[in-house]
Amino acid sequence: MQTILAGNPLTPFERDRLAGLLAALPPSRRWSVSHMHAPLLCAVGVLSAPDAAYEHAAHRRFADPEEFRRRALALLAELDRAVPGYPRQAVEPERRRFQLPFLKSARPARRV
């Protein structure tokens, strides 16, 4: 069993996998993902922050460990689908834990 580091709700395996998937992206896509998810990637420790104030703001933005983990796992799953040649790992059971209960019942009622 892997331990979760203090201040980072991702396991070392998940963090390394996120860094590996990001590195496996083509350069233009990597820039796009890094730009869009920069605060999350800085809080995880995959990207270095441009300055101390940005790093502090990124950590403050993801102060809630549950939201931090949910967002990081969503990005991990997105990158896992986006990188076709990278060896896949099962992240499905971990993501299912964070499904919202009302999503299953959000289907419109059938009319008879």
N, C-alpha and C. Protein backbone atom coordinates (compact mmCIF):
# COMPACT_ATOMS: atom_id res chain seq x y z
N MET A 1 0.85 -1.18 0.00
CA MET A 1 0.00 0.00 0.00
C MET A 1 0.89 1.23 0.00
N GLN A 2 0.51 2.20 -0.82
CA GLN A 2 1.28 3.42 -0.92
C GLN A 2 0.75 4.45 0.06
N THR A 3 1.66 5.24 0.56
CA THR A 3 1.26 6.27 1.51
C THR A 3 1.00 7.58 0.78
N ILE A 4 0.20 8.40 1.39
CA ILE A 4 -0.09 9.72 0.84
C ILE A 4 0.75 10.73 1.61
N LEU A 5 1.49 11.54 0.88
CA LEU A 5 2.36 12.52 1.51
C LEU A 5 1.54 13.64 2.14
N ALA A 6 2.06 14.22 3.18
CA ALA A 6 1.36 15.32 3.85
C ALA A 6 1.28 16.52 2.91
N GLY A 7 0.10 17.08 2.79
CA GLY A 7 -0.10 18.23 1.93
C GLY A 7 -0.35 17.86 0.47
N ASN A 8 -0.19 16.60 0.10
CA ASN A 8 -0.44 16.17 -1.27
C ASN A 8 -1.26 14.89 -1.21
N PRO A 9 -2.55 14.95 -1.56
CA PRO A 9 -3.40 13.78 -1.41
C PRO A 9 -3.20 12.71 -2.48
N LEU A 10 -2.25 12.90 -3.39
CA LEU A 10 -1.96 11.87 -4.39
C LEU A 10 -0.88 10.93 -3.86
N THR A 11 -0.97 9.69 -4.25
CA THR A 11 0.09 8.74 -3.90
C THR A 11 1.30 9.03 -4.79
N PRO A 12 2.48 8.61 -4.40
CA PRO A 12 3.66 8.81 -5.26
C PRO A 12 3.49 8.17 -6.64
N PHE A 13 2.80 7.03 -6.71
CA PHE A 13 2.56 6.39 -8.00
C PHE A 13 1.69 7.27 -8.89
N GLU A 14 0.63 7.85 -8.33
CA GLU A 14 -0.25 8.71 -9.12
C GLU A 14 0.47 9.97 -9.58
N ARG A 15 1.30 10.53 -8.71
CA ARG A 15 2.06 11.72 -9.07
C ARG A 15 3.05 11.41 -10.18
N ASP A 16 3.76 10.29 -10.08
CA ASP A 16 4.71 9.90 -11.13
C ASP A 16 4.00 9.58 -12.44
N ARG A 17 2.84 8.96 -12.34
CA ARG A 17 2.07 8.65 -13.55
C ARG A 17 1.59 9.94 -14.22
N LEU A 18 1.15 10.91 -13.44
CA LEU A 18 0.72 12.19 -13.98
C LEU A 18 1.89 12.88 -14.68
N ALA A 19 3.06 12.87 -14.06
CA ALA A 19 4.24 13.49 -14.67
C ALA A 19 4.64 12.75 -15.94
N GLY A 20 4.56 11.42 -15.93
CA GLY A 20 4.91 10.64 -17.11
C GLY A 20 3.95 10.87 -18.27
N LEU A 21 2.66 10.92 -17.97
CA LEU A 21 1.67 11.18 -19.02
C LEU A 21 1.84 12.58 -19.60
N LEU A 22 2.13 13.54 -18.75
CA LEU A 22 2.35 14.91 -19.23
C LEU A 22 3.58 14.97 -20.13
N ALA A 23 4.62 14.26 -19.76
CA ALA A 23 5.84 14.24 -20.56
C ALA A 23 5.64 13.51 -21.89
N ALA A 24 4.71 12.57 -21.94
CA ALA A 24 4.47 11.78 -23.15
C ALA A 24 3.61 12.52 -24.18
N LEU A 25 3.02 13.64 -23.79
CA LEU A 25 2.19 14.40 -24.73
C LEU A 25 3.07 15.10 -25.77
N PRO A 26 2.52 15.32 -26.97
CA PRO A 26 3.24 16.14 -27.95
C PRO A 26 3.46 17.55 -27.38
N PRO A 27 4.51 18.24 -27.80
CA PRO A 27 4.84 19.55 -27.19
C PRO A 27 3.70 20.56 -27.18
N SER A 28 2.95 20.68 -28.27
CA SER A 28 1.88 21.68 -28.28
C SER A 28 0.76 21.32 -27.31
N ARG A 29 0.42 20.05 -27.24
CA ARG A 29 -0.61 19.60 -26.30
C ARG A 29 -0.12 19.72 -24.86
N ARG A 30 1.16 19.42 -24.63
CA ARG A 30 1.74 19.54 -23.30
C ARG A 30 1.67 20.98 -22.82
N TRP A 31 1.98 21.93 -23.71
CA TRP A 31 1.90 23.34 -23.33
C TRP A 31 0.46 23.70 -22.98
N SER A 32 -0.46 23.22 -23.79
CA SER A 32 -1.88 23.53 -23.57
C SER A 32 -2.36 23.00 -22.23
N VAL A 33 -2.04 21.75 -21.93
CA VAL A 33 -2.47 21.15 -20.65
C VAL A 33 -1.76 21.85 -19.48
N SER A 34 -0.47 22.11 -19.63
CA SER A 34 0.28 22.78 -18.57
C SER A 34 -0.26 24.18 -18.31
N HIS A 35 -0.65 24.87 -19.36
CA HIS A 35 -1.17 26.22 -19.21
C HIS A 35 -2.55 26.19 -18.54
N MET A 36 -3.40 25.25 -18.96
CA MET A 36 -4.76 25.19 -18.43
C MET A 36 -4.79 24.71 -16.98
N HIS A 37 -3.91 23.77 -16.63
CA HIS A 37 -3.94 23.16 -15.29
C HIS A 37 -2.71 23.53 -14.47
N ALA A 38 -2.10 24.67 -14.75
CA ALA A 38 -0.86 25.07 -14.07
C ALA A 38 -1.00 25.12 -12.54
N PRO A 39 -2.05 25.72 -11.98
CA PRO A 39 -2.12 25.74 -10.51
C PRO A 39 -2.20 24.34 -9.90
N LEU A 40 -2.96 23.45 -10.53
CA LEU A 40 -3.06 22.08 -10.04
C LEU A 40 -1.72 21.37 -10.15
N LEU A 41 -1.05 21.50 -11.29
CA LEU A 41 0.23 20.83 -11.49
C LEU A 41 1.31 21.40 -10.57
N CYS A 42 1.23 22.68 -10.25
CA CYS A 42 2.17 23.27 -9.27
C CYS A 42 1.89 22.74 -7.87
N ALA A 43 0.62 22.62 -7.51
CA ALA A 43 0.27 22.11 -6.19
C ALA A 43 0.67 20.64 -6.04
N VAL A 44 0.57 19.88 -7.12
CA VAL A 44 0.99 18.47 -7.09
C VAL A 44 2.50 18.37 -7.00
N GLY A 45 3.20 19.31 -7.62
CA GLY A 45 4.66 19.28 -7.63
C GLY A 45 5.22 18.81 -8.95
N VAL A 46 4.40 18.75 -9.98
CA VAL A 46 4.85 18.31 -11.30
C VAL A 46 5.50 19.47 -12.04
N LEU A 47 4.95 20.67 -11.89
CA LEU A 47 5.53 21.88 -12.49
C LEU A 47 6.10 22.76 -11.39
N SER A 48 7.13 23.49 -11.74
CA SER A 48 7.65 24.45 -10.77
C SER A 48 6.94 25.79 -10.99
N ALA A 49 6.66 26.45 -9.92
CA ALA A 49 5.95 27.73 -9.98
C ALA A 49 6.90 28.83 -10.41
N PRO A 50 6.41 29.83 -11.15
CA PRO A 50 7.28 30.92 -11.59
C PRO A 50 7.82 31.77 -10.43
N ASP A 51 7.05 31.86 -9.34
CA ASP A 51 7.53 32.59 -8.17
C ASP A 51 6.83 32.06 -6.93
N ALA A 52 7.26 32.52 -5.78
CA ALA A 52 6.74 32.02 -4.51
C ALA A 52 5.27 32.39 -4.31
N ALA A 53 4.87 33.56 -4.78
CA ALA A 53 3.48 33.99 -4.61
C ALA A 53 2.54 33.08 -5.41
N TYR A 54 2.94 32.69 -6.62
CA TYR A 54 2.12 31.80 -7.45
C TYR A 54 2.01 30.43 -6.78
N GLU A 55 3.10 29.94 -6.24
CA GLU A 55 3.09 28.65 -5.55
C GLU A 55 2.18 28.70 -4.32
N HIS A 56 2.25 29.77 -3.57
CA HIS A 56 1.40 29.93 -2.39
C HIS A 56 -0.08 29.99 -2.79
N ALA A 57 -0.37 30.71 -3.88
CA ALA A 57 -1.76 30.81 -4.36
C ALA A 57 -2.26 29.45 -4.84
N ALA A 58 -1.41 28.68 -5.50
CA ALA A 58 -1.81 27.34 -5.98
C ALA A 58 -2.12 26.42 -4.81
N HIS A 59 -1.30 26.46 -3.77
CA HIS A 59 -1.55 25.62 -2.60
C HIS A 59 -2.80 26.09 -1.84
N ARG A 60 -3.01 27.40 -1.82
CA ARG A 60 -4.21 27.91 -1.17
C ARG A 60 -5.47 27.54 -1.95
N ARG A 61 -5.37 27.54 -3.28
CA ARG A 61 -6.51 27.18 -4.13
C ARG A 61 -6.93 25.73 -3.91
N PHE A 62 -5.97 24.86 -3.69
CA PHE A 62 -6.26 23.43 -3.50
C PHE A 62 -6.05 23.02 -2.05
N ALA A 63 -6.56 23.81 -1.14
CA ALA A 63 -6.42 23.51 0.29
C ALA A 63 -7.32 22.35 0.71
N ASP A 64 -8.43 22.14 0.00
CA ASP A 64 -9.34 21.03 0.31
C ASP A 64 -8.79 19.75 -0.31
N PRO A 65 -8.35 18.77 0.49
CA PRO A 65 -7.73 17.57 -0.06
C PRO A 65 -8.67 16.74 -0.94
N GLU A 66 -9.95 16.73 -0.62
CA GLU A 66 -10.88 15.94 -1.44
C GLU A 66 -11.04 16.53 -2.83
N GLU A 67 -11.19 17.85 -2.91
CA GLU A 67 -11.30 18.48 -4.23
C GLU A 67 -9.99 18.37 -4.99
N PHE A 68 -8.89 18.54 -4.29
CA PHE A 68 -7.56 18.43 -4.89
C PHE A 68 -7.40 17.04 -5.51
N ARG A 69 -7.72 16.00 -4.76
CA ARG A 69 -7.58 14.63 -5.25
C ARG A 69 -8.54 14.36 -6.41
N ARG A 70 -9.77 14.84 -6.31
CA ARG A 70 -10.75 14.64 -7.37
C ARG A 70 -10.30 15.29 -8.67
N ARG A 71 -9.82 16.52 -8.59
CA ARG A 71 -9.37 17.23 -9.79
C ARG A 71 -8.12 16.59 -10.38
N ALA A 72 -7.19 16.16 -9.51
CA ALA A 72 -5.97 15.52 -10.01
C ALA A 72 -6.28 14.19 -10.68
N LEU A 73 -7.19 13.41 -10.10
CA LEU A 73 -7.55 12.13 -10.71
C LEU A 73 -8.33 12.32 -12.01
N ALA A 74 -9.11 13.39 -12.09
CA ALA A 74 -9.81 13.69 -13.35
C ALA A 74 -8.81 14.05 -14.44
N LEU A 75 -7.80 14.83 -14.10
CA LEU A 75 -6.75 15.16 -15.07
C LEU A 75 -5.96 13.92 -15.45
N LEU A 76 -5.67 13.08 -14.48
CA LEU A 76 -4.96 11.83 -14.75
C LEU A 76 -5.75 10.95 -15.71
N ALA A 77 -7.04 10.83 -15.51
CA ALA A 77 -7.88 10.03 -16.40
C ALA A 77 -7.95 10.66 -17.79
N GLU A 78 -8.03 11.99 -17.86
CA GLU A 78 -8.07 12.67 -19.15
C GLU A 78 -6.78 12.43 -19.93
N LEU A 79 -5.64 12.56 -19.25
CA LEU A 79 -4.36 12.32 -19.91
C LEU A 79 -4.19 10.86 -20.28
N ASP A 80 -4.73 9.98 -19.46
CA ASP A 80 -4.64 8.55 -19.75
C ASP A 80 -5.36 8.22 -21.06
N ARG A 81 -6.48 8.90 -21.31
CA ARG A 81 -7.21 8.70 -22.57
C ARG A 81 -6.51 9.40 -23.73
N ALA A 82 -5.82 10.52 -23.47
CA ALA A 82 -5.22 11.33 -24.52
C ALA A 82 -3.90 10.77 -25.05
N VAL A 83 -3.20 9.99 -24.25
CA VAL A 83 -1.90 9.45 -24.66
C VAL A 83 -2.10 7.99 -25.05
N PRO A 84 -2.18 7.70 -26.35
CA PRO A 84 -2.53 6.34 -26.77
C PRO A 84 -1.45 5.30 -26.51
N GLY A 85 -0.18 5.64 -26.62
CA GLY A 85 0.88 4.64 -26.50
C GLY A 85 1.37 4.40 -25.08
N TYR A 86 0.90 5.17 -24.14
CA TYR A 86 1.38 5.04 -22.76
C TYR A 86 0.71 3.85 -22.10
N PRO A 87 1.45 3.03 -21.35
CA PRO A 87 0.82 1.87 -20.70
C PRO A 87 -0.28 2.29 -19.74
N ARG A 88 -1.42 1.69 -19.90
CA ARG A 88 -2.58 2.05 -19.09
C ARG A 88 -2.54 1.36 -17.73
N GLN A 89 -3.02 2.09 -16.75
CA GLN A 89 -3.19 1.57 -15.40
C GLN A 89 -4.63 1.80 -15.00
N ALA A 90 -5.12 0.99 -14.13
CA ALA A 90 -6.52 1.13 -13.71
C ALA A 90 -6.65 2.27 -12.73
N VAL A 91 -7.35 3.33 -13.14
CA VAL A 91 -7.68 4.42 -12.23
C VAL A 91 -9.18 4.49 -12.04
N GLU A 92 -9.91 3.60 -12.67
CA GLU A 92 -11.37 3.59 -12.59
C GLU A 92 -11.90 3.45 -11.16
N PRO A 93 -11.46 2.47 -10.37
CA PRO A 93 -12.05 2.33 -9.02
C PRO A 93 -11.87 3.59 -8.17
N GLU A 94 -10.76 4.26 -8.33
CA GLU A 94 -10.49 5.46 -7.55
C GLU A 94 -11.42 6.59 -7.97
N ARG A 95 -11.70 6.72 -9.26
CA ARG A 95 -12.56 7.79 -9.74
C ARG A 95 -14.00 7.55 -9.35
N ARG A 96 -14.45 6.32 -9.33
CA ARG A 96 -15.84 6.03 -9.01
C ARG A 96 -16.22 6.50 -7.61
N ARG A 97 -15.27 6.53 -6.73
CA ARG A 97 -15.54 6.95 -5.36
C ARG A 97 -16.05 8.39 -5.32
N PHE A 98 -15.65 9.21 -6.28
CA PHE A 98 -15.98 10.62 -6.25
C PHE A 98 -17.14 10.98 -7.16
N GLN A 99 -17.88 9.99 -7.68
CA GLN A 99 -19.05 10.30 -8.49
C GLN A 99 -20.13 10.90 -7.61
N LEU A 100 -20.80 11.86 -8.16
CA LEU A 100 -21.87 12.50 -7.43
C LEU A 100 -23.12 11.63 -7.50
N PRO A 101 -23.83 11.46 -6.41
CA PRO A 101 -24.97 10.54 -6.39
C PRO A 101 -26.11 10.97 -7.30
N PHE A 102 -26.28 12.26 -7.57
CA PHE A 102 -27.40 12.69 -8.38
C PHE A 102 -27.17 12.49 -9.87
N LEU A 103 -25.95 12.15 -10.29
CA LEU A 103 -25.69 11.96 -11.72
C LEU A 103 -26.43 10.76 -12.28
N LYS A 104 -26.60 9.72 -11.50
CA LYS A 104 -27.27 8.52 -11.99
C LYS A 104 -28.76 8.76 -12.19
N SER A 105 -29.35 9.61 -11.37
CA SER A 105 -30.79 9.84 -11.46
C SER A 105 -31.12 11.08 -12.30
N ALA A 106 -30.14 11.62 -13.00
CA ALA A 106 -30.37 12.84 -13.75
C ALA A 106 -30.98 12.59 -15.12
N ARG A 107 -31.29 11.35 -15.44
CA ARG A 107 -31.92 11.04 -16.72
C ARG A 107 -33.36 11.55 -16.71
N PRO A 108 -33.80 12.05 -17.87
CA PRO A 108 -35.19 12.52 -17.92
C PRO A 108 -36.15 11.36 -17.79
N ALA A 109 -37.30 11.62 -17.20
CA ALA A 109 -38.30 10.57 -17.00
C ALA A 109 -38.86 10.14 -18.35
N ARG A 110 -39.16 8.85 -18.47
CA ARG A 110 -39.74 8.32 -19.71
C ARG A 110 -41.21 8.69 -19.79
N ARG A 111 -41.61 9.12 -20.95
CA ARG A 111 -43.03 9.43 -21.15
C ARG A 111 -43.70 8.22 -21.78
N VAL A 112 -44.85 7.93 -21.32
CA VAL A 112 -45.59 6.76 -21.82
C VAL A 112 -46.65 7.18 -22.79
